[in-house]
Amino acid sequence: MSMNSYLSSFKSIRGIGMGVGVLIPAFSFFVGLAPPLLPKTGLIASAFAAASIVIVYYFKPKPSGRSSRLPKLVKLAVTVLLLSVAILVIYLFLLEWCTVVQPEDEGSRLQIGFGRAQWSLTEKGRQLKMEHSGQTIVEWMLRTGAFGDKGPEIIWEPWAIYLSGCVMIVAFIAMFVLWTVGWALLAKQKATKSISSSSKKLKDA
């Protein structure tokens, strides 16, 4: 199987967000959801996703002695795609838990710690939680002037802010890479099947 036949097989695959665009993740859609700790995570994810396409091309699954209705590459692709969707759900949860939308700019988010979790709050944060438990986190931040450079560190421990950001970055990249790998596996299966069909026709002729 040549690289050209492998890459061209992407064009005929149909699915959510698929087509040739799978070579570059849906950056335009997710750019606003990138972890605020590292806004350029989308570009990094795109680079890793593109590299994963080359890796899948050279990937050779071990033959299995058991018969199956689905080819091994297809079964692996389904597993990887489901895992990607699961990570997406986790990432969206982290996005709501560990970031806040800035009031003056609703299109941007600010990295914070782990929400109201006691262990991630500073002394000031624990005081706010005790005295103003009925208020939202945004109200806490407005009350303490925590919107701004180093502002979240008034309420959350610095290590908690960086930890939440790093977890989000890893999840964001993993989500994109696994999504791309899943469709790349399907593309490889399709290209392999096309080559096998062509070889069979030549033999029959």
C-alpha atoms as a PDB file:
ATOM      1  CA  MET A   1       0.000   0.000   0.000  1.00  0.00           C
ATOM      2  CA  SER A   2       1.438   3.360  -1.068  1.00  0.00           C
ATOM      3  CA  MET A   3       1.176   6.548   0.965  1.00  0.00           C
ATOM      4  CA  ASN A   4      -0.795   8.165  -1.887  1.00  0.00           C
ATOM      5  CA  SER A   5      -3.474   5.457  -1.857  1.00  0.00           C
ATOM      6  CA  TYR A   6      -3.608   5.678   1.931  1.00  0.00           C
ATOM      7  CA  LEU A   7      -4.079   9.461   1.961  1.00  0.00           C
ATOM      8  CA  SER A   8      -6.522   9.439  -0.948  1.00  0.00           C
ATOM      9  CA  SER A   9      -8.737   6.990   0.935  1.00  0.00           C
ATOM     10  CA  PHE A  10      -9.597   9.805   3.356  1.00  0.00           C
ATOM     11  CA  LYS A  11     -11.557  11.500   0.580  1.00  0.00           C
ATOM     12  CA  SER A  12     -14.109   8.723   0.339  1.00  0.00           C
ATOM     13  CA  ILE A  13     -14.671   8.207   4.056  1.00  0.00           C
ATOM     14  CA  ARG A  14     -17.840   9.842   5.326  1.00  0.00           C
ATOM     15  CA  GLY A  15     -18.421  10.670   8.976  1.00  0.00           C
ATOM     16  CA  ILE A  16     -18.792  13.486  11.457  1.00  0.00           C
ATOM     17  CA  GLY A  17     -16.202  16.097  10.613  1.00  0.00           C
ATOM     18  CA  MET A  18     -14.565  13.759   8.096  1.00  0.00           C
ATOM     19  CA  GLY A  19     -13.198  14.035   4.599  1.00  0.00           C
ATOM     20  CA  VAL A  20      -9.748  15.275   3.767  1.00  0.00           C
ATOM     21  CA  GLY A  21     -10.130  17.703   6.666  1.00  0.00           C
ATOM     22  CA  VAL A  22      -9.314  14.891   9.064  1.00  0.00           C
ATOM     23  CA  LEU A  23      -5.652  15.568   8.338  1.00  0.00           C
ATOM     24  CA  ILE A  24      -6.070  18.751  10.369  1.00  0.00           C
ATOM     25  CA  PRO A  25      -8.462  18.571  13.344  1.00  0.00           C
ATOM     26  CA  ALA A  26     -11.469  20.920  13.398  1.00  0.00           C
ATOM     27  CA  PHE A  27      -9.287  23.728  14.701  1.00  0.00           C
ATOM     28  CA  SER A  28     -11.700  26.453  13.653  1.00  0.00           C
ATOM     29  CA  PHE A  29     -14.428  24.983  15.874  1.00  0.00           C
ATOM     30  CA  PHE A  30     -12.354  24.112  18.937  1.00  0.00           C
ATOM     31  CA  VAL A  31     -10.028  27.123  18.962  1.00  0.00           C
ATOM     32  CA  GLY A  32     -12.331  28.851  21.449  1.00  0.00           C
ATOM     33  CA  LEU A  33     -12.277  25.787  23.685  1.00  0.00           C
ATOM     34  CA  ALA A  34      -8.497  25.453  23.935  1.00  0.00           C
ATOM     35  CA  PRO A  35      -7.071  25.415  27.482  1.00  0.00           C
ATOM     36  CA  PRO A  36      -6.492  29.052  28.489  1.00  0.00           C
ATOM     37  CA  LEU A  37      -3.209  28.084  30.157  1.00  0.00           C
ATOM     38  CA  LEU A  38      -1.829  27.391  26.653  1.00  0.00           C
ATOM     39  CA  PRO A  39      -4.083  28.962  23.970  1.00  0.00           C
ATOM     40  CA  LYS A  40      -1.932  27.555  21.138  1.00  0.00           C
ATOM     41  CA  THR A  41      -2.727  23.990  22.195  1.00  0.00           C
ATOM     42  CA  GLY A  42      -4.829  23.626  19.038  1.00  0.00           C
ATOM     43  CA  LEU A  43      -1.764  24.068  16.843  1.00  0.00           C
ATOM     44  CA  ILE A  44       0.192  21.554  18.913  1.00  0.00           C
ATOM     45  CA  ALA A  45      -2.706  19.096  18.688  1.00  0.00           C
ATOM     46  CA  SER A  46      -2.818  19.554  14.912  1.00  0.00           C
ATOM     47  CA  ALA A  47       0.895  18.753  14.642  1.00  0.00           C
ATOM     48  CA  PHE A  48       0.538  15.606  16.749  1.00  0.00           C
ATOM     49  CA  ALA A  49      -2.565  14.572  14.805  1.00  0.00           C
ATOM     50  CA  ALA A  50      -0.782  14.967  11.478  1.00  0.00           C
ATOM     51  CA  ALA A  51       2.155  12.931  12.792  1.00  0.00           C
ATOM     52  CA  SER A  52      -0.235  10.207  13.946  1.00  0.00           C
ATOM     53  CA  ILE A  53      -1.407   9.738  10.348  1.00  0.00           C
ATOM     54  CA  VAL A  54       2.131   8.802   9.323  1.00  0.00           C
ATOM     55  CA  ILE A  55       2.480   6.497  12.330  1.00  0.00           C
ATOM     56  CA  VAL A  56      -0.772   4.707  11.456  1.00  0.00           C
ATOM     57  CA  TYR A  57       0.501   4.195   7.902  1.00  0.00           C
ATOM     58  CA  TYR A  58       3.471   2.196   9.221  1.00  0.00           C
ATOM     59  CA  PHE A  59       1.438   0.457  11.925  1.00  0.00           C
ATOM     60  CA  LYS A  60       1.063  -3.283  11.335  1.00  0.00           C
ATOM     61  CA  PRO A  61      -1.406  -5.052  13.615  1.00  0.00           C
ATOM     62  CA  LYS A  62      -0.505  -8.522  14.789  1.00  0.00           C
ATOM     63  CA  PRO A  63      -2.576 -11.204  13.062  1.00  0.00           C
ATOM     64  CA  SER A  64      -5.261 -12.779  15.206  1.00  0.00           C
ATOM     65  CA  GLY A  65      -6.126 -16.444  15.042  1.00  0.00           C
ATOM     66  CA  ARG A  66      -9.765 -15.806  15.897  1.00  0.00           C
ATOM     67  CA  SER A  67     -12.283 -15.114  13.161  1.00  0.00           C
ATOM     68  CA  SER A  68     -14.308 -11.918  13.369  1.00  0.00           C
ATOM     69  CA  ARG A  69     -17.031 -10.197  11.410  1.00  0.00           C
ATOM     70  CA  LEU A  70     -15.082  -6.951  11.445  1.00  0.00           C
ATOM     71  CA  PRO A  71     -11.453  -6.515  10.336  1.00  0.00           C
ATOM     72  CA  LYS A  72      -9.018  -5.891  13.148  1.00  0.00           C
ATOM     73  CA  LEU A  73      -8.273  -2.338  11.965  1.00  0.00           C
ATOM     74  CA  VAL A  74     -11.970  -1.475  11.986  1.00  0.00           C
ATOM     75  CA  LYS A  75     -12.469  -2.840  15.513  1.00  0.00           C
ATOM     76  CA  LEU A  76      -9.429  -0.914  16.712  1.00  0.00           C
ATOM     77  CA  ALA A  77     -10.685   2.246  14.985  1.00  0.00           C
ATOM     78  CA  VAL A  78     -14.079   2.011  16.689  1.00  0.00           C
ATOM     79  CA  THR A  79     -12.415   1.583  20.080  1.00  0.00           C
ATOM     80  CA  VAL A  80     -10.133   4.576  19.505  1.00  0.00           C
ATOM     81  CA  LEU A  81     -12.989   6.787  18.280  1.00  0.00           C
ATOM     82  CA  LEU A  82     -15.140   5.910  21.290  1.00  0.00           C
ATOM     83  CA  LEU A  83     -12.215   6.694  23.581  1.00  0.00           C
ATOM     84  CA  SER A  84     -11.794  10.046  21.847  1.00  0.00           C
ATOM     85  CA  VAL A  85     -15.461  10.891  22.425  1.00  0.00           C
ATOM     86  CA  ALA A  86     -15.145   9.871  26.092  1.00  0.00           C
ATOM     87  CA  ILE A  87     -12.155  12.202  26.505  1.00  0.00           C
ATOM     88  CA  LEU A  88     -14.138  14.973  24.815  1.00  0.00           C
ATOM     89  CA  VAL A  89     -16.858  14.615  27.446  1.00  0.00           C
ATOM     90  CA  ILE A  90     -14.236  14.717  30.205  1.00  0.00           C
ATOM     91  CA  TYR A  91     -12.602  17.759  28.618  1.00  0.00           C
ATOM     92  CA  LEU A  92     -15.895  19.673  28.427  1.00  0.00           C
ATOM     93  CA  PHE A  93     -16.444  18.892  32.112  1.00  0.00           C
ATOM     94  CA  LEU A  94     -12.956  20.201  32.948  1.00  0.00           C
ATOM     95  CA  LEU A  95     -13.635  23.288  30.839  1.00  0.00           C
ATOM     96  CA  GLU A  96     -16.598  24.159  33.046  1.00  0.00           C
ATOM     97  CA  TRP A  97     -14.895  23.135  36.295  1.00  0.00           C
ATOM     98  CA  CYS A  98     -11.426  24.601  35.841  1.00  0.00           C
ATOM     99  CA  THR A  99     -12.007  27.750  33.770  1.00  0.00           C
ATOM    100  CA  VAL A 100     -14.257  30.805  33.885  1.00  0.00           C
ATOM    101  CA  VAL A 101     -15.498  33.088  31.120  1.00  0.00           C
ATOM    102  CA  GLN A 102     -14.173  36.613  31.564  1.00  0.00           C
ATOM    103  CA  PRO A 103     -17.070  39.085  32.003  1.00  0.00           C
ATOM    104  CA  GLU A 104     -15.520  41.776  29.809  1.00  0.00           C
ATOM    105  CA  ASP A 105     -14.741  39.308  27.022  1.00  0.00           C
ATOM    106  CA  GLU A 106     -17.169  36.404  26.745  1.00  0.00           C
ATOM    107  CA  GLY A 107     -15.035  34.830  24.031  1.00  0.00           C
ATOM    108  CA  SER A 108     -12.074  34.186  26.352  1.00  0.00           C
ATOM    109  CA  ARG A 109     -11.612  32.050  29.417  1.00  0.00           C
ATOM    110  CA  LEU A 110      -9.314  32.239  32.414  1.00  0.00           C
ATOM    111  CA  GLN A 111      -7.601  29.227  33.957  1.00  0.00           C
ATOM    112  CA  ILE A 112      -8.466  28.634  37.595  1.00  0.00           C
ATOM    113  CA  GLY A 113      -8.013  25.750  40.022  1.00  0.00           C
ATOM    114  CA  PHE A 114     -10.471  22.921  40.579  1.00  0.00           C
ATOM    115  CA  GLY A 115     -13.639  24.932  41.154  1.00  0.00           C
ATOM    116  CA  ARG A 116     -14.837  24.888  44.758  1.00  0.00           C
ATOM    117  CA  ALA A 117     -12.642  21.932  45.770  1.00  0.00           C
ATOM    118  CA  GLN A 118     -11.363  22.792  49.247  1.00  0.00           C
ATOM    119  CA  TRP A 119      -7.901  21.346  48.664  1.00  0.00           C
ATOM    120  CA  SER A 120      -7.228  23.649  45.693  1.00  0.00           C
ATOM    121  CA  LEU A 121      -8.255  26.899  47.408  1.00  0.00           C
ATOM    122  CA  THR A 122      -6.006  29.376  49.172  1.00  0.00           C
ATOM    123  CA  GLU A 123      -6.823  30.670  52.640  1.00  0.00           C
ATOM    124  CA  LYS A 124      -8.685  33.542  50.987  1.00  0.00           C
ATOM    125  CA  GLY A 125     -10.539  31.092  48.765  1.00  0.00           C
ATOM    126  CA  ARG A 126     -11.615  28.963  51.727  1.00  0.00           C
ATOM    127  CA  GLN A 127     -12.820  32.098  53.477  1.00  0.00           C
ATOM    128  CA  LEU A 128     -14.882  33.058  50.430  1.00  0.00           C
ATOM    129  CA  LYS A 129     -16.354  29.564  50.275  1.00  0.00           C
ATOM    130  CA  MET A 130     -17.332  29.738  53.930  1.00  0.00           C
ATOM    131  CA  GLU A 131     -18.741  33.289  53.908  1.00  0.00           C
ATOM    132  CA  HIS A 132     -20.217  33.427  50.396  1.00  0.00           C
ATOM    133  CA  SER A 133     -21.124  29.830  49.587  1.00  0.00           C
ATOM    134  CA  GLY A 134     -24.255  30.953  47.740  1.00  0.00           C
ATOM    135  CA  GLN A 135     -22.305  33.029  45.220  1.00  0.00           C
ATOM    136  CA  THR A 136     -20.872  31.826  41.945  1.00  0.00           C
ATOM    137  CA  ILE A 137     -17.160  31.548  41.294  1.00  0.00           C
ATOM    138  CA  VAL A 138     -17.391  34.540  38.952  1.00  0.00           C
ATOM    139  CA  GLU A 139     -18.874  36.563  41.822  1.00  0.00           C
ATOM    140  CA  TRP A 140     -16.012  35.448  44.053  1.00  0.00           C
ATOM    141  CA  MET A 141     -13.533  36.669  41.479  1.00  0.00           C
ATOM    142  CA  LEU A 142     -15.292  39.980  40.964  1.00  0.00           C
ATOM    143  CA  ARG A 143     -15.394  40.485  44.727  1.00  0.00           C
ATOM    144  CA  THR A 144     -11.626  39.936  45.082  1.00  0.00           C
ATOM    145  CA  GLY A 145     -10.481  41.453  41.790  1.00  0.00           C
ATOM    146  CA  ALA A 146      -9.246  38.054  40.610  1.00  0.00           C
ATOM    147  CA  PHE A 147      -9.829  38.768  36.924  1.00  0.00           C
ATOM    148  CA  GLY A 148      -6.455  39.699  35.538  1.00  0.00           C
ATOM    149  CA  ASP A 149      -2.810  38.646  35.519  1.00  0.00           C
ATOM    150  CA  LYS A 150      -2.097  36.354  38.493  1.00  0.00           C
ATOM    151  CA  GLY A 151      -5.578  37.219  39.764  1.00  0.00           C
ATOM    152  CA  PRO A 152      -6.787  33.600  40.140  1.00  0.00           C
ATOM    153  CA  GLU A 153      -3.914  32.962  42.566  1.00  0.00           C
ATOM    154  CA  ILE A 154      -5.817  35.041  45.100  1.00  0.00           C
ATOM    155  CA  ILE A 155      -8.419  32.280  45.366  1.00  0.00           C
ATOM    156  CA  TRP A 156      -6.623  29.131  44.120  1.00  0.00           C
ATOM    157  CA  GLU A 157      -3.216  27.713  44.918  1.00  0.00           C
ATOM    158  CA  PRO A 158      -0.782  28.271  42.008  1.00  0.00           C
ATOM    159  CA  TRP A 159      -0.020  24.548  41.779  1.00  0.00           C
ATOM    160  CA  ALA A 160      -3.757  23.805  41.455  1.00  0.00           C
ATOM    161  CA  ILE A 161      -4.105  26.305  38.595  1.00  0.00           C
ATOM    162  CA  TYR A 162      -1.153  24.833  36.709  1.00  0.00           C
ATOM    163  CA  LEU A 163      -2.226  21.258  37.428  1.00  0.00           C
ATOM    164  CA  SER A 164      -5.745  21.849  36.106  1.00  0.00           C
ATOM    165  CA  GLY A 165      -4.286  23.546  33.032  1.00  0.00           C
ATOM    166  CA  CYS A 166      -1.862  20.692  32.339  1.00  0.00           C
ATOM    167  CA  VAL A 167      -4.613  18.077  32.707  1.00  0.00           C
ATOM    168  CA  MET A 168      -6.738  20.020  30.218  1.00  0.00           C
ATOM    169  CA  ILE A 169      -3.854  20.339  27.751  1.00  0.00           C
ATOM    170  CA  VAL A 170      -3.183  16.591  27.827  1.00  0.00           C
ATOM    171  CA  ALA A 171      -6.894  15.807  27.415  1.00  0.00           C
ATOM    172  CA  PHE A 172      -7.260  18.309  24.565  1.00  0.00           C
ATOM    173  CA  ILE A 173      -4.323  16.883  22.606  1.00  0.00           C
ATOM    174  CA  ALA A 174      -5.312  13.277  23.310  1.00  0.00           C
ATOM    175  CA  MET A 175      -8.850  13.966  22.103  1.00  0.00           C
ATOM    176  CA  PHE A 176      -7.652  15.289  18.745  1.00  0.00           C
ATOM    177  CA  VAL A 177      -4.960  12.686  18.220  1.00  0.00           C
ATOM    178  CA  LEU A 178      -7.210   9.720  19.023  1.00  0.00           C
ATOM    179  CA  TRP A 179      -9.981  11.087  16.794  1.00  0.00           C
ATOM    180  CA  THR A 180      -7.509  11.385  13.908  1.00  0.00           C
ATOM    181  CA  VAL A 181      -5.973   7.972  14.587  1.00  0.00           C
ATOM    182  CA  GLY A 182      -9.406   6.351  14.550  1.00  0.00           C
ATOM    183  CA  TRP A 183     -10.254   7.692  11.107  1.00  0.00           C
ATOM    184  CA  ALA A 184      -6.728   7.004   9.864  1.00  0.00           C
ATOM    185  CA  LEU A 185      -7.166   3.352  10.798  1.00  0.00           C
ATOM    186  CA  LEU A 186     -10.403   3.252   8.810  1.00  0.00           C
ATOM    187  CA  ALA A 187      -8.653   4.912   5.878  1.00  0.00           C
ATOM    188  CA  LYS A 188      -5.869   2.342   6.050  1.00  0.00           C
ATOM    189  CA  GLN A 189      -8.384  -0.501   6.092  1.00  0.00           C
ATOM    190  CA  LYS A 190     -10.162   0.977   3.084  1.00  0.00           C
ATOM    191  CA  ALA A 191      -6.905   1.442   1.167  1.00  0.00           C
ATOM    192  CA  THR A 192      -5.796  -2.109   2.006  1.00  0.00           C
ATOM    193  CA  LYS A 193      -9.155  -3.500   0.923  1.00  0.00           C
ATOM    194  CA  SER A 194      -9.011  -1.572  -2.366  1.00  0.00           C
ATOM    195  CA  ILE A 195      -5.565  -2.955  -3.134  1.00  0.00           C
ATOM    196  CA  SER A 196      -6.718  -6.495  -2.324  1.00  0.00           C
ATOM    197  CA  SER A 197      -9.748  -6.089  -4.592  1.00  0.00           C
ATOM    198  CA  SER A 198      -7.582  -4.776  -7.435  1.00  0.00           C
ATOM    199  CA  SER A 199      -5.137  -7.662  -7.064  1.00  0.00           C
ATOM    200  CA  LYS A 200      -7.997 -10.170  -7.138  1.00  0.00           C
ATOM    201  CA  LYS A 201      -9.423  -8.641 -10.337  1.00  0.00           C
ATOM    202  CA  LEU A 202      -6.008  -8.855 -12.012  1.00  0.00           C
ATOM    203  CA  LYS A 203      -5.714 -12.524 -11.077  1.00  0.00           C
ATOM    204  CA  ASP A 204      -9.217 -13.271 -12.335  1.00  0.00           C
ATOM    205  CA  ALA A 205      -8.434 -11.497 -15.616  1.00  0.00           C
END
